């Protein structure tokens, strides 16, 4: 038991976080993630326009709806 108590004493205790600190961290984290997602979406649109990536079904439907016109059959 002596060794376990010494290990517990040696570990640094985390500093307590206030609610205001948590909320500012959360806002910053959410803003970073939304900026990252917006950048990825913008790059995806550019790559689709350049023809370097394959479109999924939804993107194909939005960009070329004539492909899904069944009145031709």
PDB file of N, CA and C in Angstrom:
ATOM      1  N   UNK A   1       0.807  -1.198   0.000  1.00  0.00           N
ATOM      2  CA  UNK A   1       0.000   0.000   0.000  1.00  0.00           C
ATOM      3  C   UNK A   1       0.845   1.255   0.000  1.00  0.00           C
ATOM      4  N   UNK A   2       2.015   1.192   0.510  1.00  0.00           N
ATOM      5  CA  UNK A   2       2.866   2.361   0.584  1.00  0.00           C
ATOM      6  C   UNK A   2       3.244   2.884  -0.786  1.00  0.00           C
ATOM      7  N   UNK A   3       3.515   1.991  -1.740  1.00  0.00           N
ATOM      8  CA  UNK A   3       3.913   2.410  -3.075  1.00  0.00           C
ATOM      9  C   UNK A   3       2.754   3.068  -3.808  1.00  0.00           C
ATOM     10  N   UNK A   4       1.547   2.564  -3.619  1.00  0.00           N
ATOM     11  CA  UNK A   4       0.376   3.138  -4.292  1.00  0.00           C
ATOM     12  C   UNK A   4       0.088   4.540  -3.783  1.00  0.00           C
ATOM     13  N   UNK A   5       0.262   4.745  -2.507  1.00  0.00           N
ATOM     14  CA  UNK A   5       0.022   6.072  -1.941  1.00  0.00           C
ATOM     15  C   UNK A   5       1.055   7.064  -2.442  1.00  0.00           C
ATOM     16  N   UNK A   6       2.296   6.634  -2.607  1.00  0.00           N
ATOM     17  CA  UNK A   6       3.338   7.525  -3.109  1.00  0.00           C
ATOM     18  C   UNK A   6       3.075   7.898  -4.561  1.00  0.00           C
ATOM     19  N   UNK A   7       2.616   6.938  -5.367  1.00  0.00           N
ATOM     20  CA  UNK A   7       2.307   7.231  -6.767  1.00  0.00           C
ATOM     21  C   UNK A   7       1.163   8.236  -6.869  1.00  0.00           C
ATOM     22  N   UNK A   8       0.171   8.099  -6.021  1.00  0.00           N
ATOM     23  CA  UNK A   8      -0.959   9.017  -6.038  1.00  0.00           C
ATOM     24  C   UNK A   8      -0.517  10.433  -5.656  1.00  0.00           C
ATOM     25  N   UNK A   9       0.458  10.519  -4.755  1.00  0.00           N
ATOM     26  CA  UNK A   9       0.937  11.830  -4.337  1.00  0.00           C
ATOM     27  C   UNK A   9       1.788  12.486  -5.410  1.00  0.00           C
ATOM     28  N   UNK A  10       2.481  11.705  -6.218  1.00  0.00           N
ATOM     29  CA  UNK A  10       3.389  12.251  -7.227  1.00  0.00           C
ATOM     30  C   UNK A  10       2.646  12.797  -8.452  1.00  0.00           C
ATOM     31  N   UNK A  11       1.468  12.293  -8.755  1.00  0.00           N
ATOM     32  CA  UNK A  11       0.715  12.746  -9.920  1.00  0.00           C
ATOM     33  C   UNK A  11       0.248  14.179  -9.702  1.00  0.00           C
ATOM     34  N   UNK A  12       0.454  15.019 -10.705  1.00  0.00           N
ATOM     35  CA  UNK A  12      -0.015  16.404 -10.554  1.00  0.00           C
ATOM     36  C   UNK A  12      -1.539  16.438 -10.618  1.00  0.00           C
ATOM     37  N   UNK A  13      -2.109  17.269  -9.832  1.00  0.00           N
ATOM     38  CA  UNK A  13      -3.557  17.414  -9.825  1.00  0.00           C
ATOM     39  C   UNK A  13      -3.958  18.394 -10.917  1.00  0.00           C
ATOM     40  N   UNK A  14      -4.987  18.079 -11.673  1.00  0.00           N
ATOM     41  CA  UNK A  14      -5.413  19.010 -12.719  1.00  0.00           C
ATOM     42  C   UNK A  14      -5.982  20.284 -12.104  1.00  0.00           C
ATOM     43  N   UNK A  15      -5.770  21.376 -12.805  1.00  0.00           N
ATOM     44  CA  UNK A  15      -6.304  22.635 -12.299  1.00  0.00           C
ATOM     45  C   UNK A  15      -7.811  22.646 -12.544  1.00  0.00           C
ATOM     46  N   UNK A  16      -8.570  23.105 -11.595  1.00  0.00           N
ATOM     47  CA  UNK A  16     -10.022  23.129 -11.782  1.00  0.00           C
ATOM     48  C   UNK A  16     -10.410  24.131 -12.868  1.00  0.00           C
ATOM     49  N   UNK A  17     -11.460  23.788 -13.614  1.00  0.00           N
ATOM     50  CA  UNK A  17     -11.903  24.636 -14.711  1.00  0.00           C
ATOM     51  C   UNK A  17     -13.244  25.258 -14.332  1.00  0.00           C
ATOM     52  N   UNK A  18     -13.339  26.554 -14.520  1.00  0.00           N
ATOM     53  CA  UNK A  18     -14.603  27.223 -14.222  1.00  0.00           C
ATOM     54  C   UNK A  18     -15.547  27.042 -15.400  1.00  0.00           C
ATOM     55  N   UNK A  19     -16.805  27.331 -15.177  1.00  0.00           N
ATOM     56  CA  UNK A  19     -17.787  27.202 -16.246  1.00  0.00           C
ATOM     57  C   UNK A  19     -17.483  28.190 -17.371  1.00  0.00           C
ATOM     58  N   UNK A  20     -17.033  29.377 -17.035  1.00  0.00           N
ATOM     59  CA  UNK A  20     -16.705  30.376 -18.060  1.00  0.00           C
ATOM     60  C   UNK A  20     -15.537  29.902 -18.923  1.00  0.00           C
ATOM     61  N   UNK A  21     -14.533  29.290 -18.295  1.00  0.00           N
ATOM     62  CA  UNK A  21     -13.405  28.761 -19.062  1.00  0.00           C
ATOM     63  C   UNK A  21     -13.866  27.638 -19.985  1.00  0.00           C
ATOM     64  N   UNK A  22     -14.724  26.758 -19.489  1.00  0.00           N
ATOM     65  CA  UNK A  22     -15.223  25.666 -20.309  1.00  0.00           C
ATOM     66  C   UNK A  22     -16.022  26.191 -21.495  1.00  0.00           C
ATOM     67  N   UNK A  23     -16.896  27.175 -21.252  1.00  0.00           N
ATOM     68  CA  UNK A  23     -17.714  27.704 -22.333  1.00  0.00           C
ATOM     69  C   UNK A  23     -16.863  28.390 -23.397  1.00  0.00           C
ATOM     70  N   UNK A  24     -15.822  29.109 -22.974  1.00  0.00           N
ATOM     71  CA  UNK A  24     -14.961  29.754 -23.969  1.00  0.00           C
ATOM     72  C   UNK A  24     -14.194  28.704 -24.762  1.00  0.00           C
ATOM     73  N   UNK A  25     -13.745  27.625 -24.096  1.00  0.00           N
ATOM     74  CA  UNK A  25     -13.067  26.538 -24.804  1.00  0.00           C
ATOM     75  C   UNK A  25     -14.016  25.875 -25.785  1.00  0.00           C
ATOM     76  N   UNK A  26     -15.254  25.626 -25.355  1.00  0.00           N
ATOM     77  CA  UNK A  26     -16.239  24.966 -26.205  1.00  0.00           C
ATOM     78  C   UNK A  26     -16.575  25.827 -27.416  1.00  0.00           C
ATOM     79  N   UNK A  27     -16.743  27.124 -27.225  1.00  0.00           N
ATOM     80  CA  UNK A  27     -17.028  28.023 -28.351  1.00  0.00           C
ATOM     81  C   UNK A  27     -15.869  28.032 -29.348  1.00  0.00           C
ATOM     82  N   UNK A  28     -14.655  28.075 -28.810  1.00  0.00           N
ATOM     83  CA  UNK A  28     -13.471  28.082 -29.673  1.00  0.00           C
ATOM     84  C   UNK A  28     -13.376  26.759 -30.449  1.00  0.00           C
ATOM     85  N   UNK A  29     -13.625  25.655 -29.765  1.00  0.00           N
ATOM     86  CA  UNK A  29     -13.569  24.342 -30.406  1.00  0.00           C
ATOM     87  C   UNK A  29     -14.634  24.223 -31.492  1.00  0.00           C
ATOM     88  N   UNK A  30     -15.858  24.665 -31.205  1.00  0.00           N
ATOM     89  CA  UNK A  30     -16.936  24.603 -32.191  1.00  0.00           C
ATOM     90  C   UNK A  30     -16.637  25.490 -33.394  1.00  0.00           C
ATOM     91  N   UNK A  31     -16.072  26.663 -33.154  1.00  0.00           N
ATOM     92  CA  UNK A  31     -15.728  27.563 -34.251  1.00  0.00           C
ATOM     93  C   UNK A  31     -14.634  26.953 -35.130  1.00  0.00           C
ATOM     94  N   UNK A  32     -13.636  26.343 -34.507  1.00  0.00           N
ATOM     95  CA  UNK A  32     -12.577  25.689 -35.279  1.00  0.00           C
ATOM     96  C   UNK A  32     -13.133  24.548 -36.121  1.00  0.00           C
ATOM     97  N   UNK A  33     -14.025  23.759 -35.549  1.00  0.00           N
ATOM     98  CA  UNK A  33     -14.583  22.635 -36.285  1.00  0.00           C
ATOM     99  C   UNK A  33     -15.472  23.098 -37.433  1.00  0.00           C
ATOM    100  N   UNK A  34     -16.275  24.126 -37.208  1.00  0.00           N
ATOM    101  CA  UNK A  34     -17.130  24.619 -38.283  1.00  0.00           C
ATOM    102  C   UNK A  34     -16.289  25.241 -39.397  1.00  0.00           C
ATOM    103  N   UNK A  35     -15.194  25.905 -39.049  1.00  0.00           N
ATOM    104  CA  UNK A  35     -14.305  26.462 -40.068  1.00  0.00           C
ATOM    105  C   UNK A  35     -13.636  25.348 -40.861  1.00  0.00           C
ATOM    106  N   UNK A  36     -13.254  24.277 -40.173  1.00  0.00           N
ATOM    107  CA  UNK A  36     -12.626  23.139 -40.852  1.00  0.00           C
ATOM    108  C   UNK A  36     -13.614  22.461 -41.797  1.00  0.00           C
ATOM    109  N   UNK A  37     -14.865  22.308 -41.361  1.00  0.00           N
ATOM    110  CA  UNK A  37     -15.885  21.687 -42.212  1.00  0.00           C
ATOM    111  C   UNK A  37     -16.205  22.568 -43.410  1.00  0.00           C
ATOM    112  N   UNK A  38     -16.268  23.883 -43.199  1.00  0.00           N
ATOM    113  CA  UNK A  38     -16.545  24.803 -44.300  1.00  0.00           C
ATOM    114  C   UNK A  38     -15.424  24.770 -45.327  1.00  0.00           C
ATOM    115  N   UNK A  39     -14.188  24.700 -44.868  1.00  0.00           N
ATOM    116  CA  UNK A  39     -13.048  24.622 -45.779  1.00  0.00           C
ATOM    117  C   UNK A  39     -13.077  23.314 -46.574  1.00  0.00           C
ATOM    118  N   UNK A  40     -13.423  22.207 -45.916  1.00  0.00           N
ATOM    119  CA  UNK A  40     -13.500  20.919 -46.602  1.00  0.00           C
ATOM    120  C   UNK A  40     -14.617  20.928 -47.642  1.00  0.00           C
ATOM    121  N   UNK A  41     -15.746  21.542 -47.304  1.00  0.00           N
ATOM    122  CA  UNK A  41     -16.861  21.627 -48.252  1.00  0.00           C
ATOM    123  C   UNK A  41     -16.485  22.497 -49.448  1.00  0.00           C
ATOM    124  N   UNK A  42     -15.806  23.609 -49.178  1.00  0.00           N
ATOM    125  CA  UNK A  42     -15.392  24.493 -50.273  1.00  0.00           C
ATOM    126  C   UNK A  42     -14.421  23.781 -51.207  1.00  0.00           C
ATOM    127  N   UNK A  43     -13.483  23.041 -50.626  1.00  0.00           N
ATOM    128  CA  UNK A  43     -12.519  22.310 -51.431  1.00  0.00           C
ATOM    129  C   UNK A  43     -13.209  21.216 -52.239  1.00  0.00           C
ATOM    130  N   UNK A  44     -14.202  20.561 -51.642  1.00  0.00           N
ATOM    131  CA  UNK A  44     -14.940  19.505 -52.344  1.00  0.00           C
ATOM    132  C   UNK A  44     -15.671  20.083 -53.551  1.00  0.00           C
ATOM    133  N   UNK A  45     -16.284  21.252 -53.388  1.00  0.00           N
ATOM    134  CA  UNK A  45     -16.987  21.903 -54.501  1.00  0.00           C
ATOM    135  C   UNK A  45     -15.999  22.254 -55.615  1.00  0.00           C
ATOM    136  N   UNK A  46     -14.833  22.761 -55.243  1.00  0.00           N
ATOM    137  CA  UNK A  46     -13.817  23.087 -56.250  1.00  0.00           C
ATOM    138  C   UNK A  46     -13.339  21.839 -56.978  1.00  0.00           C
ATOM    139  N   UNK A  47     -13.139  20.750 -56.235  1.00  0.00           N
ATOM    140  CA  UNK A  47     -12.680  19.506 -56.855  1.00  0.00           C
ATOM    141  C   UNK A  47     -13.740  18.919 -57.787  1.00  0.00           C
ATOM    142  N   UNK A  48     -15.008  19.027 -57.410  1.00  0.00           N
ATOM    143  CA  UNK A  48     -16.089  18.543 -58.283  1.00  0.00           C
ATOM    144  C   UNK A  48     -16.131  19.375 -59.551  1.00  0.00           C
ATOM    145  N   UNK A  49     -16.001  20.693 -59.427  1.00  0.00           N
ATOM    146  CA  UNK A  49     -16.020  21.570 -60.603  1.00  0.00           C
ATOM    147  C   UNK A  49     -14.840  21.271 -61.515  1.00  0.00           C
ATOM    148  N   UNK A  50     -13.700  20.910 -60.930  1.00  0.00           N
ATOM    149  CA  UNK A  50     -12.517  20.593 -61.728  1.00  0.00           C
ATOM    150  C   UNK A  50     -12.582  19.173 -62.295  1.00  0.00           C
ATOM    151  N   UNK A  51     -13.485  18.342 -61.758  1.00  0.00           N
ATOM    152  CA  UNK A  51     -13.613  16.970 -62.228  1.00  0.00           C
ATOM    153  C   UNK A  51     -12.556  16.035 -61.678  1.00  0.00           C
ATOM    154  N   UNK A  52     -11.947  16.398 -60.554  1.00  0.00           N
ATOM    155  CA  UNK A  52     -10.883  15.553 -59.997  1.00  0.00           C
ATOM    156  C   UNK A  52     -11.404  14.513 -59.018  1.00  0.00           C
ATOM    157  N   UNK A  53     -12.648  14.660 -58.555  1.00  0.00           N
ATOM    158  CA  UNK A  53     -13.233  13.672 -57.650  1.00  0.00           C
ATOM    159  C   UNK A  53     -14.574  13.215 -58.200  1.00  0.00           C
ATOM    160  N   UNK A  54     -14.972  12.022 -57.794  1.00  0.00           N
ATOM    161  CA  UNK A  54     -16.240  11.477 -58.232  1.00  0.00           C
ATOM    162  C   UNK A  54     -17.358  12.006 -57.335  1.00  0.00           C
ATOM    163  N   UNK A  55     -18.482  12.391 -57.949  1.00  0.00           N
ATOM    164  CA  UNK A  55     -19.614  12.893 -57.178  1.00  0.00           C
ATOM    165  C   UNK A  55     -20.392  11.739 -56.573  1.00  0.00           C
ATOM    166  N   UNK A  56     -20.977  11.989 -55.404  1.00  0.00           N
ATOM    167  CA  UNK A  56     -21.898  11.001 -54.856  1.00  0.00           C
ATOM    168  C   UNK A  56     -23.284  11.258 -55.444  1.00  0.00           C
ATOM    169  N   UNK A  57     -24.260  10.452 -55.088  1.00  0.00           N
ATOM    170  CA  UNK A  57     -25.594  10.561 -55.679  1.00  0.00           C
ATOM    171  C   UNK A  57     -26.255  11.902 -55.453  1.00  0.00           C
ATOM    172  N   UNK A  58     -26.152  12.408 -54.247  1.00  0.00           N
ATOM    173  CA  UNK A  58     -26.788  13.700 -53.957  1.00  0.00           C
ATOM    174  C   UNK A  58     -26.137  14.817 -54.769  1.00  0.00           C
ATOM    175  N   UNK A  59     -24.810  14.828 -54.840  1.00  0.00           N
ATOM    176  CA  UNK A  59     -24.111  15.875 -55.592  1.00  0.00           C
ATOM    177  C   UNK A  59     -24.443  15.774 -57.077  1.00  0.00           C
ATOM    178  N   UNK A  60     -24.529  14.559 -57.593  1.00  0.00           N
ATOM    179  CA  UNK A  60     -24.892  14.374 -58.998  1.00  0.00           C
ATOM    180  C   UNK A  60     -26.301  14.888 -59.249  1.00  0.00           C
ATOM    181  N   UNK A  61     -27.239  14.578 -58.353  1.00  0.00           N
ATOM    182  CA  UNK A  61     -28.610  15.048 -58.502  1.00  0.00           C
ATOM    183  C   UNK A  61     -28.683  16.570 -58.463  1.00  0.00           C
ATOM    184  N   UNK A  62     -27.890  17.207 -57.607  1.00  0.00           N
ATOM    185  CA  UNK A  62     -27.924  18.662 -57.506  1.00  0.00           C
ATOM    186  C   UNK A  62     -27.259  19.343 -58.698  1.00  0.00           C
ATOM    187  N   UNK A  63     -26.186  18.749 -59.239  1.00  0.00           N
ATOM    188  CA  UNK A  63     -25.445  19.390 -60.322  1.00  0.00           C
ATOM    189  C   UNK A  63     -25.931  18.995 -61.713  1.00  0.00           C
ATOM    190  N   UNK A  64     -26.455  17.782 -61.853  1.00  0.00           N
ATOM    191  CA  UNK A  64     -26.913  17.311 -63.165  1.00  0.00           C
ATOM    192  C   UNK A  64     -28.255  16.589 -63.021  1.00  0.00           C
ATOM    193  N   UNK A  65     -29.331  17.326 -62.748  1.00  0.00           N
ATOM    194  CA  UNK A  65     -30.630  16.667 -62.525  1.00  0.00           C
ATOM    195  C   UNK A  65     -31.184  15.997 -63.777  1.00  0.00           C
ATOM    196  N   UNK A  66     -30.714  16.371 -64.945  1.00  0.00           N
ATOM    197  CA  UNK A  66     -31.210  15.763 -66.178  1.00  0.00           C
ATOM    198  C   UNK A  66     -30.870  14.276 -66.258  1.00  0.00           C
ATOM    199  N   UNK A  67     -29.856  13.843 -65.529  1.00  0.00           N
ATOM    200  CA  UNK A  67     -29.494  12.433 -65.504  1.00  0.00           C
ATOM    201  C   UNK A  67     -30.614  11.608 -64.891  1.00  0.00           C
ATOM    202  N   UNK A  68     -31.396  12.193 -64.001  1.00  0.00           N
ATOM    203  CA  UNK A  68     -32.430  11.469 -63.287  1.00  0.00           C
ATOM    204  C   UNK A  68     -33.824  11.688 -63.892  1.00  0.00           C
ATOM    205  N   UNK A  69     -33.902  12.244 -65.091  1.00  0.00           N
ATOM    206  CA  UNK A  69     -35.183  12.491 -65.745  1.00  0.00           C
ATOM    207  C   UNK A  69     -35.691  11.192 -66.374  1.00  0.00           C
ATOM    208  N   UNK A  70     -36.742  10.624 -65.814  1.00  0.00           N
ATOM    209  CA  UNK A  70     -37.279   9.358 -66.312  1.00  0.00           C
ATOM    210  C   UNK A  70     -38.303   9.530 -67.420  1.00  0.00           C
ATOM    211  N   UNK A  71     -38.620  10.744 -67.792  1.00  0.00           N
ATOM    212  CA  UNK A  71     -39.602  10.962 -68.852  1.00  0.00           C
ATOM    213  C   UNK A  71     -39.044  10.572 -70.223  1.00  0.00           C
ATOM    214  N   UNK A  72     -37.762  10.340 -70.327  1.00  0.00           N
ATOM    215  CA  UNK A  72     -37.164   9.963 -71.607  1.00  0.00           C
ATOM    216  C   UNK A  72     -37.398   8.489 -71.938  1.00  0.00           C
ATOM    217  N   UNK A  73     -37.816   7.700 -70.952  1.00  0.00           N
ATOM    218  CA  UNK A  73     -37.967   6.260 -71.173  1.00  0.00           C
ATOM    219  C   UNK A  73     -39.380   5.874 -71.422  1.00  0.00           C
TER     220      UNK A  73
END
